[in-house]
C-alpha atoms as a PDB file:
ATOM      1  CA  MET A   1      34.646  36.144 -59.895  1.00  0.00           C
ATOM      2  CA  ASP A   2      32.609  38.067 -57.304  1.00  0.00           C
ATOM      3  CA  ARG A   3      29.220  38.282 -59.039  1.00  0.00           C
ATOM      4  CA  ILE A   4      26.959  35.779 -60.802  1.00  0.00           C
ATOM      5  CA  ARG A   5      23.674  36.429 -62.633  1.00  0.00           C
ATOM      6  CA  ILE A   6      20.871  33.835 -62.633  1.00  0.00           C
ATOM      7  CA  ALA A   7      18.298  33.730 -65.430  1.00  0.00           C
ATOM      8  CA  THR A   8      15.001  32.168 -64.388  1.00  0.00           C
ATOM      9  CA  ARG A   9      11.350  32.078 -65.239  1.00  0.00           C
ATOM     10  CA  GLU A  10       9.163  34.239 -63.006  1.00  0.00           C
ATOM     11  CA  SER A  11       6.703  31.574 -61.882  1.00  0.00           C
ATOM     12  CA  ALA A  12       6.554  30.915 -58.140  1.00  0.00           C
ATOM     13  CA  LEU A  13       8.229  27.528 -58.493  1.00  0.00           C
ATOM     14  CA  ALA A  14      10.964  28.788 -60.808  1.00  0.00           C
ATOM     15  CA  MET A  15      11.718  31.672 -58.436  1.00  0.00           C
ATOM     16  CA  TRP A  16      11.908  29.205 -55.531  1.00  0.00           C
ATOM     17  CA  GLN A  17      14.464  27.198 -57.496  1.00  0.00           C
ATOM     18  CA  ALA A  18      16.501  30.287 -58.403  1.00  0.00           C
ATOM     19  CA  ASN A  19      16.544  31.474 -54.790  1.00  0.00           C
ATOM     20  CA  PHE A  20      17.510  27.970 -53.646  1.00  0.00           C
ATOM     21  CA  VAL A  21      20.516  28.028 -55.978  1.00  0.00           C
ATOM     22  CA  LYS A  22      21.326  31.614 -54.936  1.00  0.00           C
ATOM     23  CA  SER A  23      21.399  30.605 -51.265  1.00  0.00           C
ATOM     24  CA  ALA A  24      23.502  27.514 -51.974  1.00  0.00           C
ATOM     25  CA  LEU A  25      26.064  29.565 -53.903  1.00  0.00           C
ATOM     26  CA  GLU A  26      26.219  32.233 -51.207  1.00  0.00           C
ATOM     27  CA  ARG A  27      26.789  29.601 -48.523  1.00  0.00           C
ATOM     28  CA  ALA A  28      29.496  27.908 -50.561  1.00  0.00           C
ATOM     29  CA  HIS A  29      31.194  31.177 -51.548  1.00  0.00           C
ATOM     30  CA  PRO A  30      30.934  33.861 -48.831  1.00  0.00           C
ATOM     31  CA  GLY A  31      31.101  37.329 -50.370  1.00  0.00           C
ATOM     32  CA  LEU A  32      29.755  36.218 -53.753  1.00  0.00           C
ATOM     33  CA  ARG A  33      27.019  38.515 -55.093  1.00  0.00           C
ATOM     34  CA  VAL A  34      24.186  36.606 -56.749  1.00  0.00           C
ATOM     35  CA  ASP A  35      21.564  38.501 -58.781  1.00  0.00           C
ATOM     36  CA  ILE A  36      18.345  37.006 -60.161  1.00  0.00           C
ATOM     37  CA  LEU A  37      17.063  37.994 -63.598  1.00  0.00           C
ATOM     38  CA  GLY A  38      13.388  37.041 -63.949  1.00  0.00           C
ATOM     39  CA  MET A  39      12.103  36.345 -67.456  1.00  0.00           C
ATOM     40  CA  THR A  40       8.860  35.300 -69.150  1.00  0.00           C
ATOM     41  CA  THR A  41       9.067  32.456 -71.659  1.00  0.00           C
ATOM     42  CA  GLU A  42       6.802  31.382 -74.503  1.00  0.00           C
ATOM     43  CA  GLY A  43       5.552  28.544 -72.316  1.00  0.00           C
ATOM     44  CA  ASP A  44       4.459  31.090 -69.715  1.00  0.00           C
ATOM     45  CA  ARG A  45       2.814  33.440 -72.205  1.00  0.00           C
ATOM     46  CA  ASN A  46       0.785  30.771 -74.024  1.00  0.00           C
ATOM     47  CA  LYS A  47      -1.290  28.959 -71.412  1.00  0.00           C
ATOM     48  CA  GLU A  48      -3.894  27.552 -73.794  1.00  0.00           C
ATOM     49  CA  SER A  49      -2.080  25.459 -76.412  1.00  0.00           C
ATOM     50  CA  PRO A  50      -1.117  21.891 -75.477  1.00  0.00           C
ATOM     51  CA  LEU A  51       2.624  21.600 -74.893  1.00  0.00           C
ATOM     52  CA  SER A  52       2.773  18.789 -77.455  1.00  0.00           C
ATOM     53  CA  GLN A  53       1.673  21.304 -80.112  1.00  0.00           C
ATOM     54  CA  MET A  54       4.114  23.998 -78.980  1.00  0.00           C
ATOM     55  CA  GLY A  55       7.220  21.836 -79.294  1.00  0.00           C
ATOM     56  CA  GLY A  56       7.288  20.442 -75.771  1.00  0.00           C
ATOM     57  CA  LYS A  57       8.514  21.831 -72.494  1.00  0.00           C
ATOM     58  CA  GLY A  58      11.585  23.296 -74.167  1.00  0.00           C
ATOM     59  CA  VAL A  59       9.406  26.396 -74.622  1.00  0.00           C
ATOM     60  CA  PHE A  60      10.082  27.073 -70.929  1.00  0.00           C
ATOM     61  CA  VAL A  61      13.874  27.304 -71.346  1.00  0.00           C
ATOM     62  CA  LYS A  62      14.628  28.857 -74.758  1.00  0.00           C
ATOM     63  CA  GLU A  63      14.565  32.499 -73.656  1.00  0.00           C
ATOM     64  CA  LEU A  64      16.799  31.685 -70.698  1.00  0.00           C
ATOM     65  CA  GLU A  65      19.306  30.023 -73.002  1.00  0.00           C
ATOM     66  CA  VAL A  66      19.326  33.056 -75.283  1.00  0.00           C
ATOM     67  CA  ALA A  67      20.160  35.200 -72.245  1.00  0.00           C
ATOM     68  CA  LEU A  68      23.158  32.934 -71.558  1.00  0.00           C
ATOM     69  CA  LEU A  69      24.381  32.999 -75.143  1.00  0.00           C
ATOM     70  CA  GLU A  70      24.034  36.805 -75.261  1.00  0.00           C
ATOM     71  CA  ASN A  71      25.933  37.121 -71.951  1.00  0.00           C
ATOM     72  CA  ARG A  72      22.990  38.774 -70.194  1.00  0.00           C
ATOM     73  CA  ALA A  73      23.155  36.004 -67.576  1.00  0.00           C
ATOM     74  CA  ASP A  74      25.858  33.664 -66.296  1.00  0.00           C
ATOM     75  CA  ILE A  75      23.670  30.682 -65.361  1.00  0.00           C
ATOM     76  CA  ALA A  76      20.101  29.538 -65.954  1.00  0.00           C
ATOM     77  CA  VAL A  77      18.215  27.480 -63.379  1.00  0.00           C
ATOM     78  CA  HIS A  78      15.731  24.885 -64.646  1.00  0.00           C
ATOM     79  CA  SER A  79      13.476  22.071 -63.565  1.00  0.00           C
ATOM     80  CA  MET A  80      15.422  19.299 -65.260  1.00  0.00           C
ATOM     81  CA  LYS A  81      12.253  17.658 -66.579  1.00  0.00           C
ATOM     82  CA  ASP A  82      11.744  20.793 -68.733  1.00  0.00           C
ATOM     83  CA  VAL A  83      15.184  20.699 -70.364  1.00  0.00           C
ATOM     84  CA  PRO A  84      15.350  19.125 -73.856  1.00  0.00           C
ATOM     85  CA  SER A  85      17.757  16.208 -74.242  1.00  0.00           C
ATOM     86  CA  VAL A  86      19.912  18.190 -76.712  1.00  0.00           C
ATOM     87  CA  LEU A  87      21.210  21.609 -75.673  1.00  0.00           C
ATOM     88  CA  PRO A  88      22.059  24.517 -77.995  1.00  0.00           C
ATOM     89  CA  PRO A  89      25.709  24.613 -79.141  1.00  0.00           C
ATOM     90  CA  GLY A  90      27.904  26.394 -76.622  1.00  0.00           C
ATOM     91  CA  LEU A  91      25.849  25.519 -73.543  1.00  0.00           C
ATOM     92  CA  GLU A  92      26.151  22.733 -70.962  1.00  0.00           C
ATOM     93  CA  LEU A  93      24.543  21.496 -67.768  1.00  0.00           C
ATOM     94  CA  ALA A  94      27.282  22.220 -65.258  1.00  0.00           C
ATOM     95  CA  ALA A  95      25.603  21.212 -61.992  1.00  0.00           C
ATOM     96  CA  MET A  96      22.494  19.717 -60.431  1.00  0.00           C
ATOM     97  CA  CYS A  97      21.209  20.129 -56.906  1.00  0.00           C
ATOM     98  CA  GLU A  98      20.226  17.104 -54.858  1.00  0.00           C
ATOM     99  CA  ARG A  99      17.062  15.563 -56.230  1.00  0.00           C
ATOM    100  CA  ASP A 100      13.803  15.844 -54.319  1.00  0.00           C
ATOM    101  CA  ASP A 101      10.946  13.319 -54.547  1.00  0.00           C
ATOM    102  CA  PRO A 102      10.706  12.485 -58.284  1.00  0.00           C
ATOM    103  CA  ARG A 103       7.195  10.990 -58.219  1.00  0.00           C
ATOM    104  CA  ASP A 104       4.029  12.348 -59.789  1.00  0.00           C
ATOM    105  CA  ALA A 105       1.331  13.417 -57.331  1.00  0.00           C
ATOM    106  CA  LEU A 106      -2.433  13.027 -57.374  1.00  0.00           C
ATOM    107  CA  VAL A 107      -4.302  16.008 -55.941  1.00  0.00           C
ATOM    108  CA  THR A 108      -8.015  15.591 -55.279  1.00  0.00           C
ATOM    109  CA  ASN A 109     -10.405  17.119 -52.771  1.00  0.00           C
ATOM    110  CA  GLU A 110     -12.956  14.325 -52.514  1.00  0.00           C
ATOM    111  CA  PHE A 111     -11.081  11.022 -52.803  1.00  0.00           C
ATOM    112  CA  ASP A 112      -8.091   9.445 -51.078  1.00  0.00           C
ATOM    113  CA  SER A 113      -6.306   7.569 -53.869  1.00  0.00           C
ATOM    114  CA  LEU A 114      -6.144   6.901 -57.592  1.00  0.00           C
ATOM    115  CA  ALA A 115      -8.041   3.650 -57.015  1.00  0.00           C
ATOM    116  CA  SER A 116     -10.915   5.407 -55.218  1.00  0.00           C
ATOM    117  CA  LEU A 117     -11.697   7.819 -58.063  1.00  0.00           C
ATOM    118  CA  PRO A 118     -15.074   6.927 -59.626  1.00  0.00           C
ATOM    119  CA  ALA A 119     -15.393   5.918 -63.273  1.00  0.00           C
ATOM    120  CA  GLY A 120     -15.691   9.005 -65.461  1.00  0.00           C
ATOM    121  CA  ALA A 121     -13.779  11.257 -63.066  1.00  0.00           C
ATOM    122  CA  ARG A 122     -12.016  14.102 -64.901  1.00  0.00           C
ATOM    123  CA  ILE A 123      -8.239  14.152 -64.421  1.00  0.00           C
ATOM    124  CA  GLY A 124      -6.239  17.185 -65.531  1.00  0.00           C
ATOM    125  CA  SER A 125      -2.559  17.266 -66.512  1.00  0.00           C
ATOM    126  CA  SER A 126      -0.335  19.121 -68.972  1.00  0.00           C
ATOM    127  CA  SER A 127       1.759  15.984 -69.507  1.00  0.00           C
ATOM    128  CA  LEU A 128       0.888  13.427 -72.173  1.00  0.00           C
ATOM    129  CA  ARG A 129       3.342  11.037 -70.478  1.00  0.00           C
ATOM    130  CA  ARG A 130       1.358  11.210 -67.239  1.00  0.00           C
ATOM    131  CA  ARG A 131      -2.059  10.947 -68.873  1.00  0.00           C
ATOM    132  CA  LEU A 132      -1.173   7.900 -70.984  1.00  0.00           C
ATOM    133  CA  GLN A 133       0.473   6.004 -68.139  1.00  0.00           C
ATOM    134  CA  LEU A 134      -2.445   6.626 -65.799  1.00  0.00           C
ATOM    135  CA  GLN A 135      -4.770   5.574 -68.591  1.00  0.00           C
ATOM    136  CA  GLN A 136      -3.102   2.166 -68.475  1.00  0.00           C
ATOM    137  CA  ALA A 137      -3.966   1.848 -64.774  1.00  0.00           C
ATOM    138  CA  ARG A 138      -7.379   3.548 -64.897  1.00  0.00           C
ATOM    139  CA  PRO A 139      -8.793   3.473 -68.448  1.00  0.00           C
ATOM    140  CA  ASP A 140     -12.230   4.394 -67.091  1.00  0.00           C
ATOM    141  CA  LEU A 141     -11.181   7.946 -66.160  1.00  0.00           C
ATOM    142  CA  VAL A 142     -11.357  10.997 -68.447  1.00  0.00           C
ATOM    143  CA  TYR A 143      -7.954  12.624 -69.020  1.00  0.00           C
ATOM    144  CA  LEU A 144      -7.920  16.303 -69.996  1.00  0.00           C
ATOM    145  CA  GLU A 145      -5.266  18.898 -70.846  1.00  0.00           C
ATOM    146  CA  LEU A 146      -4.581  21.308 -67.972  1.00  0.00           C
ATOM    147  CA  ARG A 147      -2.139  24.224 -68.386  1.00  0.00           C
ATOM    148  CA  GLY A 148      -1.151  27.093 -66.121  1.00  0.00           C
ATOM    149  CA  ASN A 149       0.965  27.574 -63.025  1.00  0.00           C
ATOM    150  CA  VAL A 150       0.395  25.487 -59.898  1.00  0.00           C
ATOM    151  CA  ASP A 151      -1.990  28.006 -58.309  1.00  0.00           C
ATOM    152  CA  THR A 152      -4.083  28.157 -61.490  1.00  0.00           C
ATOM    153  CA  ARG A 153      -4.334  24.372 -61.689  1.00  0.00           C
ATOM    154  CA  LEU A 154      -5.283  24.041 -58.028  1.00  0.00           C
ATOM    155  CA  ARG A 155      -7.915  26.752 -58.445  1.00  0.00           C
ATOM    156  CA  LYS A 156      -9.478  24.898 -61.379  1.00  0.00           C
ATOM    157  CA  LEU A 157      -9.603  21.759 -59.238  1.00  0.00           C
ATOM    158  CA  ASP A 158     -11.131  23.637 -56.315  1.00  0.00           C
ATOM    159  CA  GLN A 159     -13.824  25.247 -58.474  1.00  0.00           C
ATOM    160  CA  GLY A 160     -14.939  21.831 -59.717  1.00  0.00           C
ATOM    161  CA  ASP A 161     -13.491  21.683 -63.235  1.00  0.00           C
ATOM    162  CA  PHE A 162     -11.770  18.389 -62.366  1.00  0.00           C
ATOM    163  CA  GLU A 163     -12.114  15.605 -59.835  1.00  0.00           C
ATOM    164  CA  GLY A 164      -8.329  15.265 -59.697  1.00  0.00           C
ATOM    165  CA  ILE A 165      -5.166  16.765 -61.159  1.00  0.00           C
ATOM    166  CA  ILE A 166      -1.621  15.430 -61.550  1.00  0.00           C
ATOM    167  CA  LEU A 167       1.376  17.532 -60.558  1.00  0.00           C
ATOM    168  CA  ALA A 168       4.987  16.906 -59.529  1.00  0.00           C
ATOM    169  CA  THR A 169       5.411  15.947 -55.880  1.00  0.00           C
ATOM    170  CA  ALA A 170       8.661  17.928 -55.634  1.00  0.00           C
ATOM    171  CA  GLY A 171       7.083  21.117 -56.970  1.00  0.00           C
ATOM    172  CA  LEU A 172       4.232  21.019 -54.478  1.00  0.00           C
ATOM    173  CA  LYS A 173       6.642  20.435 -51.595  1.00  0.00           C
ATOM    174  CA  ARG A 174       8.886  23.303 -52.685  1.00  0.00           C
ATOM    175  CA  LEU A 175       5.919  25.689 -52.761  1.00  0.00           C
ATOM    176  CA  GLY A 176       4.819  24.677 -49.255  1.00  0.00           C
ATOM    177  CA  LEU A 177       1.812  22.812 -50.647  1.00  0.00           C
ATOM    178  CA  ALA A 178       2.651  19.289 -49.474  1.00  0.00           C
ATOM    179  CA  ASP A 179      -0.681  19.206 -47.640  1.00  0.00           C
ATOM    180  CA  ARG A 180      -2.468  19.295 -51.020  1.00  0.00           C
ATOM    181  CA  ILE A 181      -0.895  15.972 -52.086  1.00  0.00           C
ATOM    182  CA  THR A 182      -3.499  13.218 -51.871  1.00  0.00           C
ATOM    183  CA  ALA A 183      -0.998  10.530 -52.875  1.00  0.00           C
ATOM    184  CA  SER A 184       2.376  10.311 -54.573  1.00  0.00           C
ATOM    185  CA  ILE A 185       2.006   7.838 -57.424  1.00  0.00           C
ATOM    186  CA  ASP A 186       4.206   4.749 -57.484  1.00  0.00           C
ATOM    187  CA  PRO A 187       6.701   4.833 -60.391  1.00  0.00           C
ATOM    188  CA  GLY A 188       5.401   1.385 -61.336  1.00  0.00           C
ATOM    189  CA  ILE A 189       2.166   3.128 -62.343  1.00  0.00           C
ATOM    190  CA  SER A 190       3.535   6.448 -63.589  1.00  0.00           C
ATOM    191  CA  LEU A 191       7.266   6.462 -64.301  1.00  0.00           C
ATOM    192  CA  PRO A 192       8.732   9.965 -63.871  1.00  0.00           C
ATOM    193  CA  SER A 193      10.056  12.063 -66.696  1.00  0.00           C
ATOM    194  CA  ALA A 194      13.830  12.221 -67.144  1.00  0.00           C
ATOM    195  CA  GLY A 195      15.167  14.709 -64.611  1.00  0.00           C
ATOM    196  CA  GLN A 196      11.945  15.088 -62.649  1.00  0.00           C
ATOM    197  CA  GLY A 197      12.539  16.402 -59.130  1.00  0.00           C
ATOM    198  CA  ALA A 198      16.019  17.739 -59.942  1.00  0.00           C
ATOM    199  CA  VAL A 199      17.086  21.370 -60.302  1.00  0.00           C
ATOM    200  CA  GLY A 200      19.703  21.870 -63.014  1.00  0.00           C
ATOM    201  CA  ILE A 201      22.084  24.738 -63.700  1.00  0.00           C
ATOM    202  CA  GLU A 202      23.053  25.573 -67.286  1.00  0.00           C
ATOM    203  CA  CYS A 203      25.899  27.832 -68.376  1.00  0.00           C
ATOM    204  CA  ARG A 204      28.160  28.557 -71.324  1.00  0.00           C
ATOM    205  CA  GLU A 205      30.748  25.874 -72.076  1.00  0.00           C
ATOM    206  CA  ASP A 206      33.558  28.435 -71.994  1.00  0.00           C
ATOM    207  CA  ALA A 207      32.561  29.906 -68.610  1.00  0.00           C
ATOM    208  CA  VAL A 208      35.425  28.354 -66.655  1.00  0.00           C
ATOM    209  CA  ALA A 209      35.115  30.591 -63.595  1.00  0.00           C
ATOM    210  CA  VAL A 210      31.356  30.003 -63.392  1.00  0.00           C
ATOM    211  CA  LYS A 211      31.804  26.231 -63.548  1.00  0.00           C
ATOM    212  CA  LYS A 212      34.323  26.362 -60.701  1.00  0.00           C
ATOM    213  CA  LEU A 213      31.723  28.113 -58.530  1.00  0.00           C
ATOM    214  CA  LEU A 214      29.014  25.612 -59.479  1.00  0.00           C
ATOM    215  CA  ALA A 215      31.161  22.589 -58.677  1.00  0.00           C
ATOM    216  CA  ALA A 216      30.743  23.337 -54.971  1.00  0.00           C
ATOM    217  CA  ILE A 217      26.957  22.826 -55.099  1.00  0.00           C
ATOM    218  CA  ASN A 218      26.810  19.927 -57.542  1.00  0.00           C
ATOM    219  CA  HIS A 219      25.251  16.694 -56.213  1.00  0.00           C
ATOM    220  CA  LEU A 220      27.124  13.889 -57.959  1.00  0.00           C
ATOM    221  CA  ASP A 221      24.548  11.090 -57.558  1.00  0.00           C
ATOM    222  CA  THR A 222      21.770  13.321 -58.872  1.00  0.00           C
ATOM    223  CA  GLN A 223      23.888  14.488 -61.794  1.00  0.00           C
ATOM    224  CA  TYR A 224      24.835  10.917 -62.694  1.00  0.00           C
ATOM    225  CA  SER A 225      21.284   9.556 -62.405  1.00  0.00           C
ATOM    226  CA  VAL A 226      19.788  12.358 -64.476  1.00  0.00           C
ATOM    227  CA  THR A 227      22.576  12.057 -67.063  1.00  0.00           C
ATOM    228  CA  CYS A 228      21.683   8.376 -67.494  1.00  0.00           C
ATOM    229  CA  GLU A 229      17.997   9.249 -67.876  1.00  0.00           C
ATOM    230  CA  ARG A 230      18.709  11.977 -70.402  1.00  0.00           C
ATOM    231  CA  MET A 231      20.943   9.604 -72.372  1.00  0.00           C
ATOM    232  CA  ILE A 232      17.916   7.385 -72.947  1.00  0.00           C
ATOM    233  CA  SER A 233      15.786  10.340 -74.047  1.00  0.00           C
ATOM    234  CA  ALA A 234      18.545  11.631 -76.325  1.00  0.00           C
ATOM    235  CA  GLY A 235      19.095   8.175 -77.814  1.00  0.00           C
ATOM    236  CA  LEU A 236      15.449   8.102 -78.834  1.00  0.00           C
ATOM    237  CA  GLY A 237      15.619  11.611 -80.290  1.00  0.00           C
ATOM    238  CA  ALA A 238      12.996  12.608 -77.777  1.00  0.00           C
ATOM    239  CA  SER A 239      11.495  16.022 -77.259  1.00  0.00           C
ATOM    240  CA  CYS A 240       9.803  16.925 -73.981  1.00  0.00           C
ATOM    241  CA  SER A 241       6.386  16.639 -75.641  1.00  0.00           C
ATOM    242  CA  LEU A 242       6.591  12.892 -76.318  1.00  0.00           C
ATOM    243  CA  PRO A 243       5.258  10.158 -73.993  1.00  0.00           C
ATOM    244  CA  ILE A 244       8.681   8.974 -72.851  1.00  0.00           C
ATOM    245  CA  ALA A 245       9.853   8.358 -69.290  1.00  0.00           C
ATOM    246  CA  ALA A 246      13.246   7.404 -67.889  1.00  0.00           C
ATOM    247  CA  PHE A 247      14.087   7.024 -64.221  1.00  0.00           C
ATOM    248  CA  ALA A 248      17.346   6.055 -62.492  1.00  0.00           C
ATOM    249  CA  GLN A 249      17.909   5.392 -58.797  1.00  0.00           C
ATOM    250  CA  ILE A 250      21.196   4.805 -56.997  1.00  0.00           C
ATOM    251  CA  ILE A 251      20.712   2.503 -53.999  1.00  0.00           C
ATOM    252  CA  LYS A 252      23.615   1.131 -51.948  1.00  0.00           C
ATOM    253  CA  GLY A 253      26.148   1.454 -54.728  1.00  0.00           C
ATOM    254  CA  ARG A 254      23.883   0.067 -57.443  1.00  0.00           C
ATOM    255  CA  ILE A 255      21.936   1.892 -60.133  1.00  0.00           C
ATOM    256  CA  GLU A 256      18.483   0.863 -61.306  1.00  0.00           C
ATOM    257  CA  LEU A 257      17.118   2.203 -64.601  1.00  0.00           C
ATOM    258  CA  ALA A 258      13.561   1.953 -65.907  1.00  0.00           C
ATOM    259  CA  SER A 259      12.014   3.387 -69.061  1.00  0.00           C
ATOM    260  CA  TYR A 260       8.664   3.785 -70.796  1.00  0.00           C
ATOM    261  CA  VAL A 261       7.744   4.701 -74.375  1.00  0.00           C
ATOM    262  CA  SER A 262       4.287   4.930 -75.893  1.00  0.00           C
ATOM    263  CA  ASP A 263       2.704   5.976 -79.136  1.00  0.00           C
ATOM    264  CA  MET A 264       0.754   9.239 -78.984  1.00  0.00           C
ATOM    265  CA  ALA A 265      -2.526   7.420 -78.367  1.00  0.00           C
ATOM    266  CA  GLY A 266      -1.242   5.118 -75.642  1.00  0.00           C
ATOM    267  CA  GLN A 267      -2.193   1.988 -77.589  1.00  0.00           C
ATOM    268  CA  THR A 268       1.314   0.493 -77.851  1.00  0.00           C
ATOM    269  CA  VAL A 269       3.677   0.635 -74.881  1.00  0.00           C
ATOM    270  CA  LEU A 270       7.323  -0.431 -74.531  1.00  0.00           C
ATOM    271  CA  ARG A 271       9.242  -0.771 -71.266  1.00  0.00           C
ATOM    272  CA  ALA A 272      12.854  -1.678 -70.574  1.00  0.00           C
ATOM    273  CA  SER A 273      14.914  -1.806 -67.395  1.00  0.00           C
ATOM    274  CA  ARG A 274      18.435  -2.639 -66.233  1.00  0.00           C
ATOM    275  CA  SER A 275      20.360  -2.647 -62.952  1.00  0.00           C
ATOM    276  CA  GLY A 276      23.990  -3.009 -62.005  1.00  0.00           C
ATOM    277  CA  PRO A 277      26.923  -1.358 -60.224  1.00  0.00           C
ATOM    278  CA  ARG A 278      26.716   2.436 -60.082  1.00  0.00           C
ATOM    279  CA  GLU A 279      29.672   2.899 -62.408  1.00  0.00           C
ATOM    280  CA  SER A 280      27.881   0.916 -65.140  1.00  0.00           C
ATOM    281  CA  GLY A 281      25.029   3.435 -65.398  1.00  0.00           C
ATOM    282  CA  LEU A 282      25.937   4.946 -68.751  1.00  0.00           C
ATOM    283  CA  GLU A 283      26.399   1.526 -70.351  1.00  0.00           C
ATOM    284  CA  LEU A 284      23.092   0.352 -68.884  1.00  0.00           C
ATOM    285  CA  ALA A 285      21.394   3.452 -70.294  1.00  0.00           C
ATOM    286  CA  ARG A 286      22.781   2.550 -73.728  1.00  0.00           C
ATOM    287  CA  GLN A 287      21.444  -0.993 -73.331  1.00  0.00           C
ATOM    288  CA  VAL A 288      17.991   0.265 -72.332  1.00  0.00           C
ATOM    289  CA  THR A 289      17.942   2.595 -75.335  1.00  0.00           C
ATOM    290  CA  ALA A 290      18.998  -0.211 -77.694  1.00  0.00           C
ATOM    291  CA  GLU A 291      16.297  -2.519 -76.340  1.00  0.00           C
ATOM    292  CA  LEU A 292      13.617   0.147 -76.817  1.00  0.00           C
ATOM    293  CA  ILE A 293      14.771   0.851 -80.357  1.00  0.00           C
ATOM    294  CA  SER A 294      14.866  -2.844 -81.244  1.00  0.00           C
ATOM    295  CA  GLY A 295      11.327  -3.116 -79.912  1.00  0.00           C
ATOM    296  CA  GLY A 296      10.124  -0.406 -82.287  1.00  0.00           C
ATOM    297  CA  ALA A 297      10.356   2.747 -80.148  1.00  0.00           C
ATOM    298  CA  LEU A 298      11.406   4.963 -83.046  1.00  0.00           C
ATOM    299  CA  ARG A 299       8.341   3.934 -85.043  1.00  0.00           C
ATOM    300  CA  LEU A 300       6.130   4.788 -82.076  1.00  0.00           C
ATOM    301  CA  ILE A 301       7.761   8.186 -81.639  1.00  0.00           C
ATOM    302  CA  ASN A 302       7.901   9.030 -85.348  1.00  0.00           C
ATOM    303  CA  PRO A 303       5.199   6.943 -87.059  1.00  0.00           C
ATOM    304  CA  PRO A 304       5.390   6.722 -90.865  1.00  0.00           C
ATOM    305  CA  SER A 305       3.181   9.284 -92.580  1.00  0.00           C
END
């Protein structure tokens, strides 16, 4: 196979990710031609509706997956936090690049930390997970929906619509905007979404030659950690719009898992965690999921009508 086609969104961050994967493949396979197919998704076109009303962040990947299934592209490159826990039949996540900083980031022009924000400060984020967790730490702040690409969100902050906004640390670093980060938020305050900070590569299950090429750029620890996180999300039947977080770290041969589930109002919160040898990660993820379910997570996610 001497050519591979990448489907990607056309946002600045998505194009950075696609070009990162392109460069990695070209380094691993000299002579390989890598083409990038930019696409606009429903999530890009509709910048007003809350993601929770649009079906979650899966609206950023559906068109790319259709391109794979219709053989208009060989791989699709995603921010793993945007990928639903259940993939369409016939597709798989074949590789993940090494994870960058998974933490959420506070960006503010006037203050130096989450603690220093004054009561009543307006905080913008597109993520219900982020808003509800921060609400636990700072219930005196005002949390507002904020959509749009990174430049749009920063512009709204700079023009005074918000006192602070919450973005992904990894995304800001990848766009050369690390200097805009006021503080990366400790996972003990805001646990990252499953897959946050990782770039994933999706392809057709039957694309044997493509998967052989991708194996050379797969980062095993990242793939294993994110797989454990996504197992928790999948076990809860979670969509990307729900206030659910799962985070796994591999440190010196051990894996540490933490999770968070809330109702849609942030009034009832469940947490579960486990740690053990690296090879026990999948079993620990099952234990975390079982503990959350026994604590009532499914009723929080899907309350009786």
